[in-house]
PDB file of all heavy atoms in Angstrom:
ATOM      1  N   THR A   1       0.763  -1.273  -0.032  1.00  0.00           N
ATOM      2  CA  THR A   1      -0.073  -0.086   0.014  1.00  0.00           C
ATOM      3  C   THR A   1       0.858   1.283   0.032  1.00  0.00           C
ATOM      4  O   THR A   1       0.419   2.261  -0.495  1.00  0.00           O
ATOM      5  CB  THR A   1      -0.824   0.047   1.216  1.00  0.00           C
ATOM      6  OG1 THR A   1      -0.100  -0.170   2.423  1.00  0.00           O
ATOM      7  CG2 THR A   1      -1.865  -1.026   1.058  1.00  0.00           C
ATOM      8  N   SER A   2       2.032   1.196   0.594  1.00  0.00           N
ATOM      9  CA  SER A   2       2.881   2.336   0.632  1.00  0.00           C
ATOM     10  C   SER A   2       4.326   1.919   0.280  1.00  0.00           C
ATOM     11  O   SER A   2       5.212   2.014   1.207  1.00  0.00           O
ATOM     12  CB  SER A   2       2.939   2.956   2.098  1.00  0.00           C
ATOM     13  OG  SER A   2       1.582   3.386   2.449  1.00  0.00           O
ATOM     14  N   PRO A   3       4.627   1.624  -0.896  1.00  0.00           N
ATOM     15  CA  PRO A   3       5.946   1.274  -1.340  1.00  0.00           C
ATOM     16  C   PRO A   3       6.937   2.396  -1.315  1.00  0.00           C
ATOM     17  O   PRO A   3       6.562   3.517  -1.376  1.00  0.00           O
ATOM     18  CB  PRO A   3       5.722   0.635  -2.780  1.00  0.00           C
ATOM     19  CG  PRO A   3       4.580   1.452  -3.295  1.00  0.00           C
ATOM     20  CD  PRO A   3       3.704   1.687  -2.147  1.00  0.00           C
ATOM     21  N   ARG A   4       8.213   1.929  -1.323  1.00  0.00           N
ATOM     22  CA  ARG A   4       9.325   2.861  -1.366  1.00  0.00           C
ATOM     23  C   ARG A   4       9.405   3.436  -2.894  1.00  0.00           C
ATOM     24  O   ARG A   4       9.171   2.591  -3.747  1.00  0.00           O
ATOM     25  CB  ARG A   4      10.649   2.294  -0.956  1.00  0.00           C
ATOM     26  CG  ARG A   4      11.756   3.292  -0.809  1.00  0.00           C
ATOM     27  CD  ARG A   4      13.066   2.606  -0.372  1.00  0.00           C
ATOM     28  NE  ARG A   4      12.989   1.984   0.838  1.00  0.00           N
ATOM     29  CZ  ARG A   4      13.241   2.548   2.012  1.00  0.00           C
ATOM     30  NH1 ARG A   4      13.695   3.729   2.137  1.00  0.00           N
ATOM     31  NH2 ARG A   4      13.078   1.769   3.169  1.00  0.00           N
ATOM     32  N   ASP A   5       9.784   4.595  -3.117  1.00  0.00           N
ATOM     33  CA  ASP A   5      10.035   5.122  -4.514  1.00  0.00           C
ATOM     34  C   ASP A   5      10.987   4.119  -5.161  1.00  0.00           C
ATOM     35  O   ASP A   5      12.056   3.804  -4.743  1.00  0.00           O
ATOM     36  CB  ASP A   5      10.617   6.480  -4.445  1.00  0.00           C
ATOM     37  CG  ASP A   5      10.861   7.093  -5.900  1.00  0.00           C
ATOM     38  OD1 ASP A   5       9.850   7.370  -6.532  1.00  0.00           O
ATOM     39  OD2 ASP A   5      12.064   7.118  -6.286  1.00  0.00           O
ATOM     40  N   ILE A   6      10.685   3.657  -6.469  1.00  0.00           N
ATOM     41  CA  ILE A   6      11.375   2.802  -7.297  1.00  0.00           C
ATOM     42  C   ILE A   6      12.751   3.312  -7.483  1.00  0.00           C
ATOM     43  O   ILE A   6      13.883   2.676  -7.405  1.00  0.00           O
ATOM     44  CB  ILE A   6      10.722   2.427  -8.600  1.00  0.00           C
ATOM     45  CG1 ILE A   6       9.422   1.690  -8.216  1.00  0.00           C
ATOM     46  CG2 ILE A   6      11.641   1.488  -9.547  1.00  0.00           C
ATOM     47  CD1 ILE A   6       9.592   0.413  -7.554  1.00  0.00           C
ATOM     48  N   GLU A   7      12.830   4.635  -7.822  1.00  0.00           N
ATOM     49  CA  GLU A   7      14.138   5.172  -8.223  1.00  0.00           C
ATOM     50  C   GLU A   7      15.209   5.159  -6.960  1.00  0.00           C
ATOM     51  O   GLU A   7      16.282   4.977  -7.116  1.00  0.00           O
ATOM     52  CB  GLU A   7      14.010   6.616  -8.746  1.00  0.00           C
ATOM     53  CG  GLU A   7      13.270   6.735 -10.072  1.00  0.00           C
ATOM     54  CD  GLU A   7      13.810   5.807 -11.308  1.00  0.00           C
ATOM     55  OE1 GLU A   7      15.140   5.723 -11.227  1.00  0.00           O
ATOM     56  OE2 GLU A   7      13.072   5.209 -11.945  1.00  0.00           O
ATOM     57  N   GLN A   8      14.576   5.398  -5.793  1.00  0.00           N
ATOM     58  CA  GLN A   8      15.340   5.351  -4.574  1.00  0.00           C
ATOM     59  C   GLN A   8      15.862   3.893  -4.257  1.00  0.00           C
ATOM     60  O   GLN A   8      16.957   3.778  -3.939  1.00  0.00           O
ATOM     61  CB  GLN A   8      14.601   5.782  -3.369  1.00  0.00           C
ATOM     62  CG  GLN A   8      15.279   5.939  -2.020  1.00  0.00           C
ATOM     63  CD  GLN A   8      14.463   6.206  -0.805  1.00  0.00           C
ATOM     64  OE1 GLN A   8      13.290   5.908  -0.841  1.00  0.00           O
ATOM     65  NE2 GLN A   8      15.000   6.990   0.135  1.00  0.00           N
ATOM     66  N   VAL A   9      14.946   2.961  -4.640  1.00  0.00           N
ATOM     67  CA  VAL A   9      15.388   1.502  -4.399  1.00  0.00           C
ATOM     68  C   VAL A   9      16.591   1.242  -5.325  1.00  0.00           C
ATOM     69  O   VAL A   9      17.609   0.660  -4.853  1.00  0.00           O
ATOM     70  CB  VAL A   9      14.206   0.608  -4.581  1.00  0.00           C
ATOM     71  CG1 VAL A   9      14.723  -0.770  -4.494  1.00  0.00           C
ATOM     72  CG2 VAL A   9      13.123   0.888  -3.494  1.00  0.00           C
ATOM     73  N   LEU A  10      16.400   1.646  -6.591  1.00  0.00           N
ATOM     74  CA  LEU A  10      17.498   1.370  -7.502  1.00  0.00           C
ATOM     75  C   LEU A  10      18.809   1.980  -7.040  1.00  0.00           C
ATOM     76  O   LEU A  10      19.841   1.408  -7.093  1.00  0.00           O
ATOM     77  CB  LEU A  10      17.085   1.900  -8.923  1.00  0.00           C
ATOM     78  CG  LEU A  10      16.041   1.163  -9.745  1.00  0.00           C
ATOM     79  CD1 LEU A  10      15.465   1.928 -10.876  1.00  0.00           C
ATOM     80  CD2 LEU A  10      16.583  -0.140 -10.191  1.00  0.00           C
ATOM     81  N   ALA A  11      18.757   3.272  -6.590  1.00  0.00           N
ATOM     82  CA  ALA A  11      19.942   3.878  -6.028  1.00  0.00           C
ATOM     83  C   ALA A  11      20.502   3.169  -4.768  1.00  0.00           C
ATOM     84  O   ALA A  11      21.716   3.032  -4.639  1.00  0.00           O
ATOM     85  CB  ALA A  11      19.644   5.350  -5.671  1.00  0.00           C
ATOM     86  N   LEU A  12      19.587   2.779  -3.941  1.00  0.00           N
ATOM     87  CA  LEU A  12      20.046   2.172  -2.674  1.00  0.00           C
ATOM     88  C   LEU A  12      20.891   0.875  -3.108  1.00  0.00           C
ATOM     89  O   LEU A  12      21.787   0.574  -2.334  1.00  0.00           O
ATOM     90  CB  LEU A  12      18.887   1.836  -1.761  1.00  0.00           C
ATOM     91  CG  LEU A  12      18.362   3.010  -0.919  1.00  0.00           C
ATOM     92  CD1 LEU A  12      16.996   2.620  -0.281  1.00  0.00           C
ATOM     93  CD2 LEU A  12      19.306   3.376   0.159  1.00  0.00           C
ATOM     94  N   VAL A  13      20.400   0.059  -3.942  1.00  0.00           N
ATOM     95  CA  VAL A  13      21.010  -1.258  -4.204  1.00  0.00           C
ATOM     96  C   VAL A  13      22.111  -1.122  -5.384  1.00  0.00           C
ATOM     97  O   VAL A  13      22.697  -2.205  -5.770  1.00  0.00           O
ATOM     98  CB  VAL A  13      20.006  -2.273  -4.563  1.00  0.00           C
ATOM     99  CG1 VAL A  13      19.144  -2.450  -3.349  1.00  0.00           C
ATOM    100  CG2 VAL A  13      19.119  -1.899  -5.818  1.00  0.00           C
ATOM    101  N   GLY A  14      22.340   0.153  -5.943  1.00  0.00           N
ATOM    102  CA  GLY A  14      23.302   0.263  -6.819  1.00  0.00           C
ATOM    103  C   GLY A  14      23.136  -0.327  -8.314  1.00  0.00           C
ATOM    104  O   GLY A  14      23.833  -0.814  -9.058  1.00  0.00           O
ATOM    105  N   LEU A  15      21.724  -0.265  -8.669  1.00  0.00           N
ATOM    106  CA  LEU A  15      21.353  -0.837  -9.999  1.00  0.00           C
ATOM    107  C   LEU A  15      20.763   0.355 -10.888  1.00  0.00           C
ATOM    108  O   LEU A  15      20.075  -0.053 -11.893  1.00  0.00           O
ATOM    109  CB  LEU A  15      20.355  -1.978  -9.774  1.00  0.00           C
ATOM    110  CG  LEU A  15      20.956  -3.184  -9.304  1.00  0.00           C
ATOM    111  CD1 LEU A  15      19.837  -4.232  -8.999  1.00  0.00           C
ATOM    112  CD2 LEU A  15      22.005  -3.841 -10.276  1.00  0.00           C
ATOM    113  N   SER A  16      20.874   1.578 -10.673  1.00  0.00           N
ATOM    114  CA  SER A  16      20.271   2.557 -11.458  1.00  0.00           C
ATOM    115  C   SER A  16      20.698   2.575 -12.913  1.00  0.00           C
ATOM    116  O   SER A  16      19.938   2.724 -13.808  1.00  0.00           O
ATOM    117  CB  SER A  16      20.650   3.976 -10.869  1.00  0.00           C
ATOM    118  OG  SER A  16      20.041   4.215  -9.591  1.00  0.00           O
ATOM    119  N   ASP A  17      21.930   2.202 -12.982  1.00  0.00           N
ATOM    120  CA  ASP A  17      22.620   2.052 -14.413  1.00  0.00           C
ATOM    121  C   ASP A  17      22.160   0.792 -15.061  1.00  0.00           C
ATOM    122  O   ASP A  17      22.442   0.604 -16.312  1.00  0.00           O
ATOM    123  CB  ASP A  17      24.090   2.206 -14.409  1.00  0.00           C
ATOM    124  CG  ASP A  17      24.752   1.051 -13.634  1.00  0.00           C
ATOM    125  OD1 ASP A  17      24.120   0.522 -12.802  1.00  0.00           O
ATOM    126  OD2 ASP A  17      26.049   0.887 -13.870  1.00  0.00           O
ATOM    127  N   ARG A  18      21.609  -0.134 -14.404  1.00  0.00           N
ATOM    128  CA  ARG A  18      20.995  -1.325 -15.041  1.00  0.00           C
ATOM    129  C   ARG A  18      19.611  -1.516 -15.044  1.00  0.00           C
ATOM    130  O   ARG A  18      19.071  -2.523 -15.154  1.00  0.00           O
ATOM    131  CB  ARG A  18      21.707  -2.589 -14.261  1.00  0.00           C
ATOM    132  CG  ARG A  18      23.331  -2.631 -14.240  1.00  0.00           C
ATOM    133  CD  ARG A  18      23.843  -3.015 -15.667  1.00  0.00           C
ATOM    134  NE  ARG A  18      23.535  -4.207 -15.898  1.00  0.00           N
ATOM    135  CZ  ARG A  18      23.716  -4.748 -17.181  1.00  0.00           C
ATOM    136  NH1 ARG A  18      23.892  -3.969 -18.207  1.00  0.00           N
ATOM    137  NH2 ARG A  18      23.497  -6.097 -17.447  1.00  0.00           N
ATOM    138  N   ARG A  19      18.916  -0.382 -14.829  1.00  0.00           N
ATOM    139  CA  ARG A  19      17.437  -0.370 -14.493  1.00  0.00           C
ATOM    140  C   ARG A  19      16.631  -1.028 -15.686  1.00  0.00           C
ATOM    141  O   ARG A  19      15.657  -1.661 -15.494  1.00  0.00           O
ATOM    142  CB  ARG A  19      16.926   1.004 -14.321  1.00  0.00           C
ATOM    143  CG  ARG A  19      17.009   1.942 -15.525  1.00  0.00           C
ATOM    144  CD  ARG A  19      16.774   3.323 -15.130  1.00  0.00           C
ATOM    145  NE  ARG A  19      15.576   3.573 -14.370  1.00  0.00           N
ATOM    146  CZ  ARG A  19      14.300   3.716 -14.718  1.00  0.00           C
ATOM    147  NH1 ARG A  19      14.058   3.533 -15.986  1.00  0.00           N
ATOM    148  NH2 ARG A  19      13.446   3.823 -13.918  1.00  0.00           N
ATOM    149  N   ASN A  20      17.137  -0.854 -16.913  1.00  0.00           N
ATOM    150  CA  ASN A  20      16.364  -1.529 -18.012  1.00  0.00           C
ATOM    151  C   ASN A  20      16.928  -2.905 -18.521  1.00  0.00           C
ATOM    152  O   ASN A  20      16.469  -3.347 -19.591  1.00  0.00           O
ATOM    153  CB  ASN A  20      16.490  -0.487 -19.334  1.00  0.00           C
ATOM    154  CG  ASN A  20      15.630   0.796 -18.827  1.00  0.00           C
ATOM    155  OD1 ASN A  20      14.514   0.661 -18.204  1.00  0.00           O
ATOM    156  ND2 ASN A  20      16.254   1.928 -19.155  1.00  0.00           N
ATOM    157  N   ALA A  21      17.926  -3.389 -17.863  1.00  0.00           N
ATOM    158  CA  ALA A  21      18.627  -4.702 -18.210  1.00  0.00           C
ATOM    159  C   ALA A  21      17.672  -5.858 -17.761  1.00  0.00           C
ATOM    160  O   ALA A  21      16.920  -5.672 -16.854  1.00  0.00           O
ATOM    161  CB  ALA A  21      19.945  -4.802 -17.566  1.00  0.00           C
ATOM    162  N   ARG A  22      17.669  -6.819 -18.641  1.00  0.00           N
ATOM    163  CA  ARG A  22      16.849  -8.045 -18.325  1.00  0.00           C
ATOM    164  C   ARG A  22      17.506  -8.797 -17.207  1.00  0.00           C
ATOM    165  O   ARG A  22      18.764  -8.891 -17.152  1.00  0.00           O
ATOM    166  CB  ARG A  22      16.820  -8.913 -19.535  1.00  0.00           C
ATOM    167  CG  ARG A  22      16.088  -8.268 -20.761  1.00  0.00           C
ATOM    168  CD  ARG A  22      14.661  -7.879 -20.463  1.00  0.00           C
ATOM    169  NE  ARG A  22      14.024  -7.100 -21.546  1.00  0.00           N
ATOM    170  CZ  ARG A  22      12.734  -6.665 -21.524  1.00  0.00           C
ATOM    171  NH1 ARG A  22      12.069  -6.659 -20.324  1.00  0.00           N
ATOM    172  NH2 ARG A  22      12.328  -5.796 -22.478  1.00  0.00           N
ATOM    173  N   VAL A  23      16.749  -9.333 -16.297  1.00  0.00           N
ATOM    174  CA  VAL A  23      17.186  -9.946 -15.116  1.00  0.00           C
ATOM    175  C   VAL A  23      18.270 -11.127 -15.564  1.00  0.00           C
ATOM    176  O   VAL A  23      19.296 -11.359 -14.951  1.00  0.00           O
ATOM    177  CB  VAL A  23      16.109 -10.548 -14.292  1.00  0.00           C
ATOM    178  CG1 VAL A  23      16.645 -11.523 -13.198  1.00  0.00           C
ATOM    179  CG2 VAL A  23      15.324  -9.455 -13.605  1.00  0.00           C
ATOM    180  N   ARG A  24      17.907 -11.840 -16.694  1.00  0.00           N
ATOM    181  CA  ARG A  24      18.754 -12.993 -17.155  1.00  0.00           C
ATOM    182  C   ARG A  24      20.096 -12.549 -17.501  1.00  0.00           C
ATOM    183  O   ARG A  24      20.883 -13.419 -17.625  1.00  0.00           O
ATOM    184  CB  ARG A  24      17.974 -13.754 -18.220  1.00  0.00           C
ATOM    185  CG  ARG A  24      17.753 -12.932 -19.459  1.00  0.00           C
ATOM    186  CD  ARG A  24      16.995 -13.653 -20.513  1.00  0.00           C
ATOM    187  NE  ARG A  24      16.666 -12.835 -21.709  1.00  0.00           N
ATOM    188  CZ  ARG A  24      17.351 -12.377 -22.662  1.00  0.00           C
ATOM    189  NH1 ARG A  24      18.693 -12.742 -22.645  1.00  0.00           N
ATOM    190  NH2 ARG A  24      16.892 -11.661 -23.552  1.00  0.00           N
ATOM    191  N   THR A  25      20.256 -11.302 -17.822  1.00  0.00           N
ATOM    192  CA  THR A  25      21.572 -10.831 -18.370  1.00  0.00           C
ATOM    193  C   THR A  25      22.548 -10.270 -17.132  1.00  0.00           C
ATOM    194  O   THR A  25      23.710 -10.038 -17.522  1.00  0.00           O
ATOM    195  CB  THR A  25      21.495  -9.629 -19.315  1.00  0.00           C
ATOM    196  OG1 THR A  25      20.949  -8.541 -18.584  1.00  0.00           O
ATOM    197  CG2 THR A  25      20.449  -9.988 -20.409  1.00  0.00           C
TER     198      THR A  25
END
């Protein structure tokens, strides 16, 4: 119901530069 902002999560886990990469890659 109250998720954390997706961009913040990407930054926290260091995946902002891989945001559009397929998981399998």
